[in-house]
């Protein structure tokens, strides 16, 4: 499972998502800031934070908590 957290700079919800990821003891994930890429900003700009499993293409959009993350990781 390759995880990516799509987020924005200065995003309070993204900070909350990072806290939930820590509470869920999420395995290693990459952070991608959509502000730096016009295509990603168009796709995720209004939806961030979004956790994506690159292997399956599944996405978990905000709002989510630690329990939702655990369910998402379990597939």
PDB file of N, CA and C in Angstrom:
ATOM      1  N   UNK A   1       0.853  -1.177   0.000  1.00  0.00           N
ATOM      2  CA  UNK A   1       0.000   0.000   0.000  1.00  0.00           C
ATOM      3  C   UNK A   1       0.895   1.236   0.000  1.00  0.00           C
ATOM      4  N   UNK A   2       0.707   2.073  -1.008  1.00  0.00           N
ATOM      5  CA  UNK A   2       1.434   3.343  -1.094  1.00  0.00           C
ATOM      6  C   UNK A   2       0.428   4.464  -0.859  1.00  0.00           C
ATOM      7  N   UNK A   3       0.590   5.175   0.241  1.00  0.00           N
ATOM      8  CA  UNK A   3      -0.365   6.198   0.638  1.00  0.00           C
ATOM      9  C   UNK A   3       0.157   7.590   0.342  1.00  0.00           C
ATOM     10  N   UNK A   4      -0.757   8.449  -0.095  1.00  0.00           N
ATOM     11  CA  UNK A   4      -0.457   9.856  -0.316  1.00  0.00           C
ATOM     12  C   UNK A   4      -1.535  10.674   0.373  1.00  0.00           C
ATOM     13  N   UNK A   5      -1.109  11.688   1.109  1.00  0.00           N
ATOM     14  CA  UNK A   5      -2.047  12.652   1.673  1.00  0.00           C
ATOM     15  C   UNK A   5      -1.949  13.918   0.830  1.00  0.00           C
ATOM     16  N   UNK A   6      -3.030  14.227   0.125  1.00  0.00           N
ATOM     17  CA  UNK A   6      -3.085  15.464  -0.640  1.00  0.00           C
ATOM     18  C   UNK A   6      -3.565  16.553   0.304  1.00  0.00           C
ATOM     19  N   UNK A   7      -2.820  17.664   0.320  1.00  0.00           N
ATOM     20  CA  UNK A   7      -3.137  18.745   1.244  1.00  0.00           C
ATOM     21  C   UNK A   7      -2.733  20.082   0.645  1.00  0.00           C
ATOM     22  N   UNK A   8      -3.019  21.143   1.387  1.00  0.00           N
ATOM     23  CA  UNK A   8      -2.676  22.510   0.972  1.00  0.00           C
ATOM     24  C   UNK A   8      -1.851  23.153   2.074  1.00  0.00           C
ATOM     25  N   UNK A   9      -1.126  24.178   1.696  1.00  0.00           N
ATOM     26  CA  UNK A   9      -0.404  24.979   2.684  1.00  0.00           C
ATOM     27  C   UNK A   9      -1.411  25.715   3.560  1.00  0.00           C
ATOM     28  N   UNK A  10      -1.062  25.906   4.814  1.00  0.00           N
ATOM     29  CA  UNK A  10      -1.893  26.670   5.751  1.00  0.00           C
ATOM     30  C   UNK A  10      -3.339  26.189   5.771  1.00  0.00           C
ATOM     31  N   UNK A  11      -3.504  24.888   5.909  1.00  0.00           N
ATOM     32  CA  UNK A  11      -4.829  24.262   5.875  1.00  0.00           C
ATOM     33  C   UNK A  11      -5.117  23.652   7.254  1.00  0.00           C
ATOM     34  N   UNK A  12      -6.047  24.243   7.981  1.00  0.00           N
ATOM     35  CA  UNK A  12      -6.396  23.752   9.315  1.00  0.00           C
ATOM     36  C   UNK A  12      -6.945  22.323   9.255  1.00  0.00           C
ATOM     37  N   UNK A  13      -7.753  22.033   8.253  1.00  0.00           N
ATOM     38  CA  UNK A  13      -8.293  20.683   8.128  1.00  0.00           C
ATOM     39  C   UNK A  13      -7.178  19.673   7.856  1.00  0.00           C
ATOM     40  N   UNK A  14      -6.181  20.092   7.116  1.00  0.00           N
ATOM     41  CA  UNK A  14      -5.043  19.210   6.843  1.00  0.00           C
ATOM     42  C   UNK A  14      -4.279  18.902   8.121  1.00  0.00           C
ATOM     43  N   UNK A  15      -4.162  19.894   8.991  1.00  0.00           N
ATOM     44  CA  UNK A  15      -3.520  19.666  10.290  1.00  0.00           C
ATOM     45  C   UNK A  15      -4.314  18.650  11.102  1.00  0.00           C
ATOM     46  N   UNK A  16      -5.639  18.759  11.067  1.00  0.00           N
ATOM     47  CA  UNK A  16      -6.490  17.795  11.772  1.00  0.00           C
ATOM     48  C   UNK A  16      -6.339  16.401  11.171  1.00  0.00           C
ATOM     49  N   UNK A  17      -6.223  16.336   9.845  1.00  0.00           N
ATOM     50  CA  UNK A  17      -6.034  15.039   9.182  1.00  0.00           C
ATOM     51  C   UNK A  17      -4.721  14.408   9.613  1.00  0.00           C
ATOM     52  N   UNK A  18      -3.661  15.209   9.727  1.00  0.00           N
ATOM     53  CA  UNK A  18      -2.367  14.683  10.171  1.00  0.00           C
ATOM     54  C   UNK A  18      -2.465  14.127  11.585  1.00  0.00           C
ATOM     55  N   UNK A  19      -3.221  14.799  12.443  1.00  0.00           N
ATOM     56  CA  UNK A  19      -3.432  14.298  13.803  1.00  0.00           C
ATOM     57  C   UNK A  19      -4.174  12.956  13.770  1.00  0.00           C
ATOM     58  N   UNK A  20      -5.200  12.852  12.936  1.00  0.00           N
ATOM     59  CA  UNK A  20      -5.962  11.604  12.828  1.00  0.00           C
ATOM     60  C   UNK A  20      -5.073  10.480  12.288  1.00  0.00           C
ATOM     61  N   UNK A  21      -4.222  10.784  11.321  1.00  0.00           N
ATOM     62  CA  UNK A  21      -3.298   9.788  10.780  1.00  0.00           C
ATOM     63  C   UNK A  21      -2.351   9.287  11.866  1.00  0.00           C
ATOM     64  N   UNK A  22      -1.883  10.193  12.704  1.00  0.00           N
ATOM     65  CA  UNK A  22      -0.995   9.798  13.809  1.00  0.00           C
ATOM     66  C   UNK A  22      -1.750   8.927  14.813  1.00  0.00           C
ATOM     67  N   UNK A  23      -2.981   9.296  15.136  1.00  0.00           N
ATOM     68  CA  UNK A  23      -3.785   8.517  16.078  1.00  0.00           C
ATOM     69  C   UNK A  23      -4.057   7.120  15.539  1.00  0.00           C
ATOM     70  N   UNK A  24      -4.219   7.002  14.226  1.00  0.00           N
ATOM     71  CA  UNK A  24      -4.501   5.709  13.607  1.00  0.00           C
ATOM     72  C   UNK A  24      -3.230   4.897  13.384  1.00  0.00           C
ATOM     73  N   UNK A  25      -2.095   5.495  13.732  1.00  0.00           N
ATOM     74  CA  UNK A  25      -0.794   4.848  13.512  1.00  0.00           C
ATOM     75  C   UNK A  25      -0.656   4.396  12.062  1.00  0.00           C
ATOM     76  N   UNK A  26      -0.987   5.307  11.172  1.00  0.00           N
ATOM     77  CA  UNK A  26      -0.926   5.053   9.739  1.00  0.00           C
ATOM     78  C   UNK A  26       0.509   4.756   9.329  1.00  0.00           C
ATOM     79  N   UNK A  27       0.699   3.762   8.477  1.00  0.00           N
ATOM     80  CA  UNK A  27       2.055   3.501   7.983  1.00  0.00           C
ATOM     81  C   UNK A  27       2.561   4.699   7.187  1.00  0.00           C
ATOM     82  N   UNK A  28       3.799   4.643   6.819  1.00  0.00           N
ATOM     83  CA  UNK A  28       4.432   5.753   6.109  1.00  0.00           C
ATOM     84  C   UNK A  28       3.595   6.202   4.914  1.00  0.00           C
ATOM     85  N   UNK A  29       3.505   7.516   4.746  1.00  0.00           N
ATOM     86  CA  UNK A  29       2.764   8.083   3.624  1.00  0.00           C
ATOM     87  C   UNK A  29       3.504   9.311   3.114  1.00  0.00           C
ATOM     88  N   UNK A  30       3.243   9.646   1.874  1.00  0.00           N
ATOM     89  CA  UNK A  30       3.823  10.842   1.274  1.00  0.00           C
ATOM     90  C   UNK A  30       2.824  11.983   1.411  1.00  0.00           C
ATOM     91  N   UNK A  31       3.346  13.184   1.575  1.00  0.00           N
ATOM     92  CA  UNK A  31       2.504  14.376   1.571  1.00  0.00           C
ATOM     93  C   UNK A  31       2.720  15.101   0.257  1.00  0.00           C
ATOM     94  N   UNK A  32       1.622  15.408  -0.415  1.00  0.00           N
ATOM     95  CA  UNK A  32       1.690  16.154  -1.661  1.00  0.00           C
ATOM     96  C   UNK A  32       0.847  17.410  -1.477  1.00  0.00           C
ATOM     97  N   UNK A  33       1.478  18.551  -1.726  1.00  0.00           N
ATOM     98  CA  UNK A  33       0.786  19.828  -1.605  1.00  0.00           C
ATOM     99  C   UNK A  33       0.244  20.208  -2.970  1.00  0.00           C
ATOM    100  N   UNK A  34      -1.072  20.266  -3.095  1.00  0.00           N
ATOM    101  CA  UNK A  34      -1.708  20.479  -4.386  1.00  0.00           C
ATOM    102  C   UNK A  34      -1.494  21.886  -4.923  1.00  0.00           C
ATOM    103  N   UNK A  35      -1.149  22.826  -4.058  1.00  0.00           N
ATOM    104  CA  UNK A  35      -0.937  24.204  -4.489  1.00  0.00           C
ATOM    105  C   UNK A  35       0.199  24.319  -5.500  1.00  0.00           C
ATOM    106  N   UNK A  36       1.092  23.354  -5.509  1.00  0.00           N
ATOM    107  CA  UNK A  36       2.281  23.418  -6.363  1.00  0.00           C
ATOM    108  C   UNK A  36       2.052  22.821  -7.747  1.00  0.00           C
ATOM    109  N   UNK A  37       0.856  22.299  -8.033  1.00  0.00           N
ATOM    110  CA  UNK A  37       0.592  21.619  -9.290  1.00  0.00           C
ATOM    111  C   UNK A  37      -0.827  21.967  -9.754  1.00  0.00           C
ATOM    112  N   UNK A  38      -0.932  22.627 -10.905  1.00  0.00           N
ATOM    113  CA  UNK A  38      -2.238  23.089 -11.387  1.00  0.00           C
ATOM    114  C   UNK A  38      -3.219  21.935 -11.587  1.00  0.00           C
ATOM    115  N   UNK A  39      -2.737  20.804 -12.094  1.00  0.00           N
ATOM    116  CA  UNK A  39      -3.614  19.660 -12.330  1.00  0.00           C
ATOM    117  C   UNK A  39      -4.135  19.092 -11.011  1.00  0.00           C
ATOM    118  N   UNK A  40      -3.244  18.951 -10.031  1.00  0.00           N
ATOM    119  CA  UNK A  40      -3.676  18.448  -8.717  1.00  0.00           C
ATOM    120  C   UNK A  40      -4.583  19.450  -8.022  1.00  0.00           C
ATOM    121  N   UNK A  41      -4.293  20.730  -8.191  1.00  0.00           N
ATOM    122  CA  UNK A  41      -5.134  21.745  -7.571  1.00  0.00           C
ATOM    123  C   UNK A  41      -6.543  21.691  -8.157  1.00  0.00           C
ATOM    124  N   UNK A  42      -6.642  21.470  -9.455  1.00  0.00           N
ATOM    125  CA  UNK A  42      -7.958  21.354 -10.087  1.00  0.00           C
ATOM    126  C   UNK A  42      -8.701  20.120  -9.583  1.00  0.00           C
ATOM    127  N   UNK A  43      -7.973  19.030  -9.351  1.00  0.00           N
ATOM    128  CA  UNK A  43      -8.607  17.772  -8.931  1.00  0.00           C
ATOM    129  C   UNK A  43      -8.937  17.748  -7.442  1.00  0.00           C
ATOM    130  N   UNK A  44      -8.019  18.254  -6.606  1.00  0.00           N
ATOM    131  CA  UNK A  44      -8.162  18.113  -5.156  1.00  0.00           C
ATOM    132  C   UNK A  44      -8.327  19.424  -4.397  1.00  0.00           C
ATOM    133  N   UNK A  45      -8.176  20.543  -5.057  1.00  0.00           N
ATOM    134  CA  UNK A  45      -8.133  21.832  -4.381  1.00  0.00           C
ATOM    135  C   UNK A  45      -9.254  22.085  -3.393  1.00  0.00           C
ATOM    136  N   UNK A  46     -10.478  21.749  -3.779  1.00  0.00           N
ATOM    137  CA  UNK A  46     -11.633  21.981  -2.915  1.00  0.00           C
ATOM    138  C   UNK A  46     -11.914  20.801  -1.985  1.00  0.00           C
ATOM    139  N   UNK A  47     -11.225  19.676  -2.210  1.00  0.00           N
ATOM    140  CA  UNK A  47     -11.534  18.450  -1.473  1.00  0.00           C
ATOM    141  C   UNK A  47     -10.538  18.128  -0.371  1.00  0.00           C
ATOM    142  N   UNK A  48      -9.400  18.788  -0.332  1.00  0.00           N
ATOM    143  CA  UNK A  48      -8.355  18.406   0.616  1.00  0.00           C
ATOM    144  C   UNK A  48      -8.832  18.589   2.045  1.00  0.00           C
ATOM    145  N   UNK A  49      -8.307  17.769   2.930  1.00  0.00           N
ATOM    146  CA  UNK A  49      -7.334  16.706   2.727  1.00  0.00           C
ATOM    147  C   UNK A  49      -7.974  15.428   2.172  1.00  0.00           C
ATOM    148  N   UNK A  50      -7.200  14.717   1.369  1.00  0.00           N
ATOM    149  CA  UNK A  50      -7.625  13.446   0.794  1.00  0.00           C
ATOM    150  C   UNK A  50      -6.486  12.444   0.962  1.00  0.00           C
ATOM    151  N   UNK A  51      -6.799  11.286   1.508  1.00  0.00           N
ATOM    152  CA  UNK A  51      -5.833  10.197   1.629  1.00  0.00           C
ATOM    153  C   UNK A  51      -6.091   9.227   0.486  1.00  0.00           C
ATOM    154  N   UNK A  52      -5.046   8.928  -0.276  1.00  0.00           N
ATOM    155  CA  UNK A  52      -5.188   8.063  -1.457  1.00  0.00           C
ATOM    156  C   UNK A  52      -4.258   6.870  -1.360  1.00  0.00           C
ATOM    157  N   UNK A  53      -4.795   5.703  -1.677  1.00  0.00           N
ATOM    158  CA  UNK A  53      -3.992   4.488  -1.803  1.00  0.00           C
ATOM    159  C   UNK A  53      -3.622   4.381  -3.285  1.00  0.00           C
ATOM    160  N   UNK A  54      -2.382   4.633  -3.594  1.00  0.00           N
ATOM    161  CA  UNK A  54      -1.928   4.638  -4.981  1.00  0.00           C
ATOM    162  C   UNK A  54      -2.069   3.273  -5.641  1.00  0.00           C
ATOM    163  N   UNK A  55      -1.969   2.204  -4.877  1.00  0.00           N
ATOM    164  CA  UNK A  55      -2.061   0.858  -5.456  1.00  0.00           C
ATOM    165  C   UNK A  55      -3.471   0.542  -5.953  1.00  0.00           C
ATOM    166  N   UNK A  56      -4.470   0.890  -5.170  1.00  0.00           N
ATOM    167  CA  UNK A  56      -5.850   0.564  -5.534  1.00  0.00           C
ATOM    168  C   UNK A  56      -6.594   1.732  -6.168  1.00  0.00           C
ATOM    169  N   UNK A  57      -6.101   2.950  -5.945  1.00  0.00           N
ATOM    170  CA  UNK A  57      -6.803   4.134  -6.429  1.00  0.00           C
ATOM    171  C   UNK A  57      -7.894   4.604  -5.486  1.00  0.00           C
ATOM    172  N   UNK A  58      -8.100   3.881  -4.382  1.00  0.00           N
ATOM    173  CA  UNK A  58      -9.135   4.263  -3.413  1.00  0.00           C
ATOM    174  C   UNK A  58      -8.746   5.555  -2.712  1.00  0.00           C
ATOM    175  N   UNK A  59      -9.751   6.375  -2.433  1.00  0.00           N
ATOM    176  CA  UNK A  59      -9.517   7.642  -1.758  1.00  0.00           C
ATOM    177  C   UNK A  59     -10.450   7.788  -0.566  1.00  0.00           C
ATOM    178  N   UNK A  60      -9.913   8.402   0.473  1.00  0.00           N
ATOM    179  CA  UNK A  60     -10.691   8.740   1.667  1.00  0.00           C
ATOM    180  C   UNK A  60     -10.678  10.256   1.787  1.00  0.00           C
ATOM    181  N   UNK A  61     -11.829  10.856   1.541  1.00  0.00           N
ATOM    182  CA  UNK A  61     -11.928  12.308   1.589  1.00  0.00           C
ATOM    183  C   UNK A  61     -12.352  12.806   2.962  1.00  0.00           C
ATOM    184  N   UNK A  62     -12.017  14.044   3.220  1.00  0.00           N
ATOM    185  CA  UNK A  62     -12.390  14.693   4.470  1.00  0.00           C
ATOM    186  C   UNK A  62     -13.901  14.869   4.509  1.00  0.00           C
ATOM    187  N   UNK A  63     -14.540  14.706   5.638  1.00  0.00           N
ATOM    188  CA  UNK A  63     -13.966  14.500   6.971  1.00  0.00           C
ATOM    189  C   UNK A  63     -13.730  13.026   7.274  1.00  0.00           C
ATOM    190  N   UNK A  64     -12.643  12.781   8.001  1.00  0.00           N
ATOM    191  CA  UNK A  64     -12.360  11.436   8.488  1.00  0.00           C
ATOM    192  C   UNK A  64     -11.662  11.537   9.831  1.00  0.00           C
ATOM    193  N   UNK A  65     -11.788  10.457  10.603  1.00  0.00           N
ATOM    194  CA  UNK A  65     -11.122  10.378  11.895  1.00  0.00           C
ATOM    195  C   UNK A  65     -10.254   9.120  11.911  1.00  0.00           C
ATOM    196  N   UNK A  66      -9.630   8.851  13.049  1.00  0.00           N
ATOM    197  CA  UNK A  66      -8.727   7.707  13.150  1.00  0.00           C
ATOM    198  C   UNK A  66      -9.440   6.400  12.840  1.00  0.00           C
ATOM    199  N   UNK A  67     -10.684   6.234  13.314  1.00  0.00           N
ATOM    200  CA  UNK A  67     -11.427   5.001  13.066  1.00  0.00           C
ATOM    201  C   UNK A  67     -11.706   4.826  11.568  1.00  0.00           C
ATOM    202  N   UNK A  68     -12.051   5.896  10.884  1.00  0.00           N
ATOM    203  CA  UNK A  68     -12.293   5.822   9.441  1.00  0.00           C
ATOM    204  C   UNK A  68     -11.018   5.461   8.693  1.00  0.00           C
ATOM    205  N   UNK A  69      -9.893   5.973   9.144  1.00  0.00           N
ATOM    206  CA  UNK A  69      -8.614   5.653   8.518  1.00  0.00           C
ATOM    207  C   UNK A  69      -8.299   4.175   8.689  1.00  0.00           C
ATOM    208  N   UNK A  70      -8.521   3.649   9.885  1.00  0.00           N
ATOM    209  CA  UNK A  70      -8.261   2.226  10.135  1.00  0.00           C
ATOM    210  C   UNK A  70      -9.124   1.365   9.213  1.00  0.00           C
ATOM    211  N   UNK A  71     -10.395   1.734   9.063  1.00  0.00           N
ATOM    212  CA  UNK A  71     -11.284   0.989   8.152  1.00  0.00           C
ATOM    213  C   UNK A  71     -10.785   1.109   6.705  1.00  0.00           C
ATOM    214  N   UNK A  72     -10.359   2.270   6.313  1.00  0.00           N
ATOM    215  CA  UNK A  72      -9.849   2.491   4.959  1.00  0.00           C
ATOM    216  C   UNK A  72      -8.614   1.631   4.702  1.00  0.00           C
ATOM    217  N   UNK A  73      -7.717   1.579   5.666  1.00  0.00           N
ATOM    218  CA  UNK A  73      -6.490   0.799   5.512  1.00  0.00           C
ATOM    219  C   UNK A  73      -6.773  -0.700   5.477  1.00  0.00           C
ATOM    220  N   UNK A  74      -7.837  -1.120   6.155  1.00  0.00           N
ATOM    221  CA  UNK A  74      -8.196  -2.541   6.174  1.00  0.00           C
ATOM    222  C   UNK A  74      -8.799  -2.981   4.841  1.00  0.00           C
ATOM    223  N   UNK A  75      -9.220  -2.000   4.052  1.00  0.00           N
ATOM    224  CA  UNK A  75      -9.741  -2.293   2.713  1.00  0.00           C
ATOM    225  C   UNK A  75     -11.156  -2.675   2.724  1.00  0.00           C
TER     226      UNK A  75
END
